[in-house]
Every structure is written in C-alpha cells, then in structure tokens.
C-alpha cells in the first residue's frame, strides 16, 4: 500500500475544502487543499471511463489513517498534558507523506502547541 501511494493522487478521490468553497476557508484556517472528506469524490465517479486508480485509493487511505493517528495522538497528549509526541517504527520510516500528514494533523489540532517528532534507530550500523 505504501508503494502504491507514492504514485497516487488523492485529489482524484478526496473532497477538498476548495471543492466545497472554491477557495481557502480562512475563517477557520483551512487552505483550499485541506481534505474535507476522505473518498468524498468517489460517489461522483462513473465506473468505467472515470474509474479511480488503485494508487489514488492507496494515497487517500494513507492520508486518512495518518490524519486520524495525528488527531488521536493530539487528544492523548492533551489529556496527559504533554507537548511532544514521539513516533517510531518501520511503518513510517522513510515515508515522508505519512510523517508530514501526522505532523500537520497534530499542529492543526493543537494550534502549534504540541509537536510530533519522529525517532528512528539504525540497528545495522
């Protein structure tokens, strides 16, 4: 799934703020490229000529899960009154889109007061 997502374009399946408002929604700090609804465009796609690519679905699913991880991590940090969240593991190591999305979600929900940090160990050196 991670490999498929590298060539996917989530804009083909996700409904964005710009798709709804035609621009940024500045009142609450959302850019036009912010995801408003994961897989929100899929219902408009005709099976056949406008078929959704597997790569696009993989990218959308990855972003959806990463955004959820970021929000859940933020809520736990808020509950436990901590300002740094550390992530590690082989799932996200070297996968920039995942790290960026988790970081963005934490930054958005916390209004910049909580940071998501990524730690990786090289066991073979």
N, C-alpha and C. Protein backbone atom coordinates (compact mmCIF):
# COMPACT_ATOMS: atom_id res chain seq x y z
N UNK A 1 0.82 -1.19 0.00
CA UNK A 1 0.00 0.00 0.00
C UNK A 1 0.87 1.26 0.00
N UNK A 2 1.94 1.24 0.81
CA UNK A 2 2.83 2.40 0.84
C UNK A 2 3.46 2.64 -0.52
N UNK A 3 3.85 1.56 -1.19
CA UNK A 3 4.47 1.69 -2.51
C UNK A 3 3.45 2.25 -3.53
N UNK A 4 2.23 1.74 -3.50
CA UNK A 4 1.18 2.25 -4.39
C UNK A 4 0.91 3.72 -4.15
N UNK A 5 0.91 4.13 -2.89
CA UNK A 5 0.55 5.51 -2.56
C UNK A 5 1.56 6.52 -3.09
N UNK A 6 2.79 6.09 -3.34
CA UNK A 6 3.82 7.01 -3.82
C UNK A 6 3.47 7.64 -5.17
N UNK A 7 2.72 6.92 -5.99
CA UNK A 7 2.34 7.46 -7.30
C UNK A 7 0.87 7.85 -7.37
N UNK A 8 0.18 7.79 -6.24
CA UNK A 8 -1.24 8.12 -6.20
C UNK A 8 -1.48 9.61 -6.06
N UNK A 9 -2.66 10.03 -6.46
CA UNK A 9 -3.09 11.43 -6.34
C UNK A 9 -4.43 11.45 -5.61
N UNK A 10 -4.40 11.81 -4.35
CA UNK A 10 -5.62 11.78 -3.55
C UNK A 10 -6.63 12.82 -3.99
N UNK A 11 -6.21 13.82 -4.74
CA UNK A 11 -7.14 14.84 -5.24
C UNK A 11 -8.24 14.23 -6.11
N UNK A 12 -7.97 13.06 -6.68
CA UNK A 12 -8.95 12.39 -7.54
C UNK A 12 -10.07 11.73 -6.75
N UNK A 13 -9.86 11.48 -5.46
CA UNK A 13 -10.88 10.78 -4.67
C UNK A 13 -11.33 11.55 -3.43
N UNK A 14 -10.48 12.40 -2.88
CA UNK A 14 -10.82 13.15 -1.68
C UNK A 14 -11.52 14.47 -2.04
N UNK A 15 -12.55 14.82 -1.29
CA UNK A 15 -13.19 16.12 -1.44
C UNK A 15 -12.38 17.11 -0.62
N UNK A 16 -11.97 18.21 -1.25
CA UNK A 16 -11.14 19.21 -0.59
C UNK A 16 -11.97 20.42 -0.21
N UNK A 17 -11.44 21.23 0.69
CA UNK A 17 -12.10 22.47 1.09
C UNK A 17 -12.38 23.33 -0.14
N UNK A 18 -11.44 23.40 -1.07
CA UNK A 18 -11.61 24.17 -2.29
C UNK A 18 -12.71 23.65 -3.20
N UNK A 19 -12.98 22.35 -3.14
CA UNK A 19 -14.07 21.77 -3.93
C UNK A 19 -15.42 22.26 -3.40
N UNK A 20 -15.48 22.55 -2.12
CA UNK A 20 -16.73 22.99 -1.50
C UNK A 20 -16.89 24.50 -1.58
N UNK A 21 -15.83 25.23 -1.21
CA UNK A 21 -15.91 26.69 -1.11
C UNK A 21 -15.30 27.43 -2.30
N UNK A 22 -14.57 26.70 -3.13
CA UNK A 22 -13.94 27.33 -4.29
C UNK A 22 -12.68 28.10 -3.95
N UNK A 23 -12.28 28.08 -2.69
CA UNK A 23 -11.09 28.82 -2.23
C UNK A 23 -10.75 28.34 -0.82
N UNK A 24 -9.77 29.03 -0.20
CA UNK A 24 -9.46 28.75 1.21
C UNK A 24 -10.65 29.12 2.08
N UNK A 25 -10.77 28.47 3.21
CA UNK A 25 -11.78 28.83 4.20
C UNK A 25 -11.01 29.48 5.36
N UNK A 26 -10.66 30.74 5.16
CA UNK A 26 -9.74 31.46 6.04
C UNK A 26 -10.29 31.65 7.45
N UNK A 27 -11.60 31.71 7.60
CA UNK A 27 -12.20 31.95 8.92
C UNK A 27 -11.72 30.95 9.96
N UNK A 28 -11.55 29.69 9.54
CA UNK A 28 -11.07 28.67 10.49
C UNK A 28 -9.69 28.13 10.11
N UNK A 29 -9.01 28.81 9.20
CA UNK A 29 -7.63 28.47 8.89
C UNK A 29 -7.42 27.27 8.01
N UNK A 30 -8.36 26.99 7.11
CA UNK A 30 -8.22 25.84 6.21
C UNK A 30 -7.85 26.32 4.81
N UNK A 31 -6.81 25.73 4.24
CA UNK A 31 -6.46 26.04 2.85
C UNK A 31 -7.38 25.27 1.91
N UNK A 32 -7.41 25.68 0.67
CA UNK A 32 -8.26 25.02 -0.31
C UNK A 32 -7.84 23.57 -0.56
N UNK A 33 -6.60 23.22 -0.22
CA UNK A 33 -6.09 21.86 -0.42
C UNK A 33 -6.31 20.95 0.78
N UNK A 34 -6.92 21.45 1.84
CA UNK A 34 -7.19 20.63 3.02
C UNK A 34 -8.29 19.62 2.70
N UNK A 35 -8.12 18.38 3.15
CA UNK A 35 -9.12 17.34 2.91
C UNK A 35 -10.35 17.63 3.77
N UNK A 36 -11.50 17.75 3.12
CA UNK A 36 -12.77 17.94 3.82
C UNK A 36 -13.46 16.60 4.04
N UNK A 37 -13.30 15.67 3.08
CA UNK A 37 -13.93 14.36 3.20
C UNK A 37 -13.10 13.32 2.44
N UNK A 38 -12.52 12.40 3.19
CA UNK A 38 -11.77 11.32 2.55
C UNK A 38 -12.72 10.50 1.69
N UNK A 39 -12.31 10.21 0.47
CA UNK A 39 -13.09 9.46 -0.52
C UNK A 39 -14.39 10.18 -0.91
N UNK A 40 -14.47 11.48 -0.63
CA UNK A 40 -15.69 12.24 -0.91
C UNK A 40 -16.05 12.38 -2.37
N UNK A 41 -15.11 12.22 -3.27
CA UNK A 41 -15.40 12.34 -4.71
C UNK A 41 -15.75 11.00 -5.36
N UNK A 42 -15.53 9.92 -4.65
CA UNK A 42 -15.72 8.59 -5.24
C UNK A 42 -17.16 8.38 -5.69
N UNK A 43 -18.11 8.89 -4.93
CA UNK A 43 -19.51 8.68 -5.29
C UNK A 43 -19.88 9.34 -6.60
N UNK A 44 -19.10 10.32 -7.05
CA UNK A 44 -19.36 11.01 -8.32
C UNK A 44 -18.74 10.29 -9.51
N UNK A 45 -17.85 9.37 -9.25
CA UNK A 45 -17.13 8.69 -10.33
C UNK A 45 -18.00 7.61 -10.97
N UNK A 46 -18.04 7.63 -12.30
CA UNK A 46 -18.71 6.56 -13.04
C UNK A 46 -17.75 5.39 -13.17
N UNK A 47 -18.26 4.21 -12.91
CA UNK A 47 -17.43 3.03 -13.12
C UNK A 47 -17.24 2.91 -14.63
N UNK A 48 -16.01 2.83 -15.04
CA UNK A 48 -15.69 2.75 -16.47
C UNK A 48 -14.74 3.86 -16.85
N UNK A 49 -15.24 4.89 -17.54
CA UNK A 49 -14.35 5.92 -18.10
C UNK A 49 -13.62 6.74 -17.05
N UNK A 50 -14.22 7.00 -15.89
CA UNK A 50 -13.58 7.79 -14.85
C UNK A 50 -13.22 6.92 -13.64
N UNK A 51 -12.84 5.70 -13.90
CA UNK A 51 -12.55 4.77 -12.82
C UNK A 51 -11.39 5.27 -11.97
N UNK A 52 -11.51 5.11 -10.68
CA UNK A 52 -10.49 5.54 -9.73
C UNK A 52 -9.33 4.56 -9.77
N UNK A 53 -8.12 5.08 -9.80
CA UNK A 53 -6.93 4.24 -9.82
C UNK A 53 -6.63 3.69 -8.43
N UNK A 54 -6.06 2.50 -8.39
CA UNK A 54 -5.66 1.88 -7.11
C UNK A 54 -4.68 2.77 -6.36
N UNK A 55 -3.78 3.41 -7.09
CA UNK A 55 -2.78 4.28 -6.47
C UNK A 55 -3.44 5.46 -5.75
N UNK A 56 -4.50 6.01 -6.37
CA UNK A 56 -5.21 7.14 -5.76
C UNK A 56 -5.94 6.72 -4.49
N UNK A 57 -6.52 5.52 -4.52
CA UNK A 57 -7.20 4.99 -3.34
C UNK A 57 -6.18 4.74 -2.22
N UNK A 58 -5.03 4.19 -2.57
CA UNK A 58 -3.99 3.93 -1.57
C UNK A 58 -3.51 5.23 -0.93
N UNK A 59 -3.31 6.26 -1.75
CA UNK A 59 -2.86 7.56 -1.22
C UNK A 59 -3.92 8.15 -0.30
N UNK A 60 -5.17 8.11 -0.71
CA UNK A 60 -6.26 8.65 0.11
C UNK A 60 -6.37 7.90 1.43
N UNK A 61 -6.29 6.58 1.38
CA UNK A 61 -6.38 5.77 2.60
C UNK A 61 -5.21 6.06 3.54
N UNK A 62 -4.02 6.20 2.98
CA UNK A 62 -2.85 6.51 3.79
C UNK A 62 -3.02 7.86 4.50
N UNK A 63 -3.49 8.86 3.77
CA UNK A 63 -3.69 10.18 4.37
C UNK A 63 -4.80 10.15 5.42
N UNK A 64 -5.85 9.40 5.15
CA UNK A 64 -6.95 9.30 6.11
C UNK A 64 -6.47 8.68 7.42
N UNK A 65 -5.74 7.58 7.33
CA UNK A 65 -5.23 6.91 8.52
C UNK A 65 -4.22 7.81 9.24
N UNK A 66 -3.33 8.45 8.49
CA UNK A 66 -2.32 9.32 9.09
C UNK A 66 -2.95 10.52 9.80
N UNK A 67 -3.97 11.12 9.20
CA UNK A 67 -4.68 12.22 9.84
C UNK A 67 -5.35 11.75 11.14
N UNK A 68 -5.93 10.56 11.11
CA UNK A 68 -6.57 10.02 12.31
C UNK A 68 -5.55 9.72 13.40
N UNK A 69 -4.41 9.18 13.03
CA UNK A 69 -3.34 8.93 14.01
C UNK A 69 -2.91 10.25 14.65
N UNK A 70 -2.75 11.28 13.82
CA UNK A 70 -2.36 12.59 14.34
C UNK A 70 -3.38 13.16 15.30
N UNK A 71 -4.66 13.05 14.98
CA UNK A 71 -5.69 13.59 15.86
C UNK A 71 -5.78 12.80 17.17
N UNK A 72 -5.72 11.48 17.08
CA UNK A 72 -5.78 10.66 18.29
C UNK A 72 -4.56 10.92 19.17
N UNK A 73 -3.38 11.05 18.55
CA UNK A 73 -2.17 11.35 19.32
C UNK A 73 -2.30 12.71 20.00
N UNK A 74 -2.83 13.70 19.29
CA UNK A 74 -3.06 15.03 19.87
C UNK A 74 -4.00 14.94 21.08
N UNK A 75 -5.11 14.23 20.93
CA UNK A 75 -6.07 14.12 22.03
C UNK A 75 -5.46 13.44 23.25
N UNK A 76 -4.64 12.43 23.04
CA UNK A 76 -3.97 11.76 24.16
C UNK A 76 -2.94 12.69 24.81
N UNK A 77 -2.21 13.43 24.00
CA UNK A 77 -1.24 14.39 24.56
C UNK A 77 -1.95 15.46 25.37
N UNK A 78 -3.06 15.93 24.86
CA UNK A 78 -3.85 16.94 25.57
C UNK A 78 -4.34 16.38 26.91
N UNK A 79 -4.84 15.17 26.89
CA UNK A 79 -5.36 14.52 28.10
C UNK A 79 -4.26 14.35 29.16
N UNK A 80 -3.05 14.03 28.70
CA UNK A 80 -1.95 13.76 29.63
C UNK A 80 -1.04 14.98 29.82
N UNK A 81 -1.44 16.10 29.25
CA UNK A 81 -0.73 17.37 29.42
C UNK A 81 0.75 17.28 29.00
N UNK A 82 1.00 16.76 27.81
CA UNK A 82 2.36 16.72 27.27
C UNK A 82 2.40 17.51 25.97
N UNK A 83 3.58 18.00 25.61
CA UNK A 83 3.69 18.84 24.43
C UNK A 83 4.55 18.27 23.32
N UNK A 84 5.04 17.04 23.51
CA UNK A 84 5.81 16.36 22.46
C UNK A 84 5.33 14.92 22.34
N UNK A 85 5.12 14.50 21.10
CA UNK A 85 4.69 13.13 20.83
C UNK A 85 5.76 12.50 19.94
N UNK A 86 6.29 11.37 20.36
CA UNK A 86 7.33 10.70 19.60
C UNK A 86 6.75 9.49 18.86
N UNK A 87 7.10 9.39 17.59
CA UNK A 87 6.68 8.28 16.75
C UNK A 87 7.92 7.55 16.26
N UNK A 88 7.81 6.26 16.13
CA UNK A 88 8.89 5.46 15.58
C UNK A 88 8.33 4.17 15.02
N UNK A 89 9.13 3.47 14.29
CA UNK A 89 8.70 2.18 13.76
C UNK A 89 8.86 2.08 12.26
N UNK A 90 8.81 0.87 11.78
CA UNK A 90 9.09 0.64 10.36
C UNK A 90 7.98 1.12 9.44
N UNK A 91 6.75 1.28 9.95
CA UNK A 91 5.65 1.72 9.08
C UNK A 91 5.92 3.10 8.49
N UNK A 92 6.43 4.01 9.29
CA UNK A 92 6.60 5.38 8.80
C UNK A 92 8.04 5.72 8.42
N UNK A 93 8.99 4.88 8.79
CA UNK A 93 10.39 5.18 8.48
C UNK A 93 10.58 5.38 6.98
N UNK A 94 11.06 6.54 6.62
CA UNK A 94 11.34 6.83 5.22
C UNK A 94 10.12 7.18 4.40
N UNK A 95 8.95 7.26 5.01
CA UNK A 95 7.75 7.59 4.25
C UNK A 95 7.30 9.00 4.61
N UNK A 96 7.81 9.96 3.83
CA UNK A 96 7.64 11.38 4.12
C UNK A 96 6.18 11.81 4.17
N UNK A 97 5.33 11.30 3.27
CA UNK A 97 3.91 11.70 3.27
C UNK A 97 3.23 11.37 4.59
N UNK A 98 3.54 10.21 5.15
CA UNK A 98 2.95 9.80 6.42
C UNK A 98 3.40 10.73 7.54
N UNK A 99 4.69 11.00 7.60
CA UNK A 99 5.22 11.87 8.64
C UNK A 99 4.68 13.29 8.52
N UNK A 100 4.62 13.79 7.30
CA UNK A 100 4.08 15.14 7.09
C UNK A 100 2.62 15.24 7.50
N UNK A 101 1.84 14.23 7.18
CA UNK A 101 0.41 14.26 7.49
C UNK A 101 0.17 14.16 8.99
N UNK A 102 0.88 13.28 9.66
CA UNK A 102 0.74 13.17 11.11
C UNK A 102 1.15 14.48 11.77
N UNK A 103 2.27 15.05 11.35
CA UNK A 103 2.74 16.32 11.91
C UNK A 103 1.74 17.44 11.66
N UNK A 104 1.21 17.50 10.44
CA UNK A 104 0.22 18.53 10.11
C UNK A 104 -1.01 18.41 11.00
N UNK A 105 -1.51 17.19 11.17
CA UNK A 105 -2.71 16.98 11.99
C UNK A 105 -2.48 17.43 13.43
N UNK A 106 -1.34 17.04 13.99
CA UNK A 106 -1.04 17.44 15.37
C UNK A 106 -0.92 18.95 15.47
N UNK A 107 -0.23 19.56 14.53
CA UNK A 107 -0.06 21.01 14.54
C UNK A 107 -1.40 21.73 14.38
N UNK A 108 -2.24 21.23 13.48
CA UNK A 108 -3.55 21.85 13.25
C UNK A 108 -4.41 21.79 14.50
N UNK A 109 -4.58 20.59 15.05
CA UNK A 109 -5.48 20.42 16.18
C UNK A 109 -4.97 21.12 17.44
N UNK A 110 -3.65 21.16 17.61
CA UNK A 110 -3.10 21.77 18.82
C UNK A 110 -2.81 23.26 18.64
N UNK A 111 -3.06 23.77 17.42
CA UNK A 111 -2.73 25.16 17.11
C UNK A 111 -1.25 25.45 17.37
N UNK A 112 -0.41 24.46 17.08
CA UNK A 112 1.03 24.61 17.19
C UNK A 112 1.62 24.39 18.57
N UNK A 113 0.80 24.05 19.55
CA UNK A 113 1.31 23.91 20.92
C UNK A 113 1.90 22.53 21.22
N UNK A 114 1.60 21.55 20.38
CA UNK A 114 2.13 20.19 20.55
C UNK A 114 2.88 19.81 19.28
N UNK A 115 4.02 19.16 19.45
CA UNK A 115 4.85 18.78 18.30
C UNK A 115 4.90 17.26 18.15
N UNK A 116 4.83 16.82 16.91
CA UNK A 116 5.03 15.41 16.59
C UNK A 116 6.46 15.22 16.13
N UNK A 117 7.18 14.32 16.74
CA UNK A 117 8.59 14.08 16.43
C UNK A 117 8.77 12.62 16.03
N UNK A 118 9.75 12.36 15.17
CA UNK A 118 9.95 11.02 14.63
C UNK A 118 11.35 10.54 14.97
N UNK A 119 11.42 9.35 15.56
CA UNK A 119 12.67 8.77 16.02
C UNK A 119 12.88 7.44 15.31
N UNK A 120 14.08 7.27 14.75
CA UNK A 120 14.39 6.01 14.08
C UNK A 120 15.77 5.55 14.52
N UNK A 121 15.90 4.25 14.67
CA UNK A 121 17.16 3.66 15.08
C UNK A 121 17.68 2.81 13.94
N UNK A 122 18.97 2.87 13.73
CA UNK A 122 19.60 2.02 12.73
C UNK A 122 20.25 0.85 13.47
N UNK A 123 19.60 -0.28 13.43
CA UNK A 123 20.07 -1.45 14.17
C UNK A 123 21.24 -2.15 13.48
N UNK A 124 21.56 -1.76 12.25
CA UNK A 124 22.56 -2.48 11.48
C UNK A 124 23.87 -1.72 11.33
N UNK A 125 24.08 -0.69 12.09
CA UNK A 125 25.35 0.05 11.94
C UNK A 125 26.34 -0.29 13.03
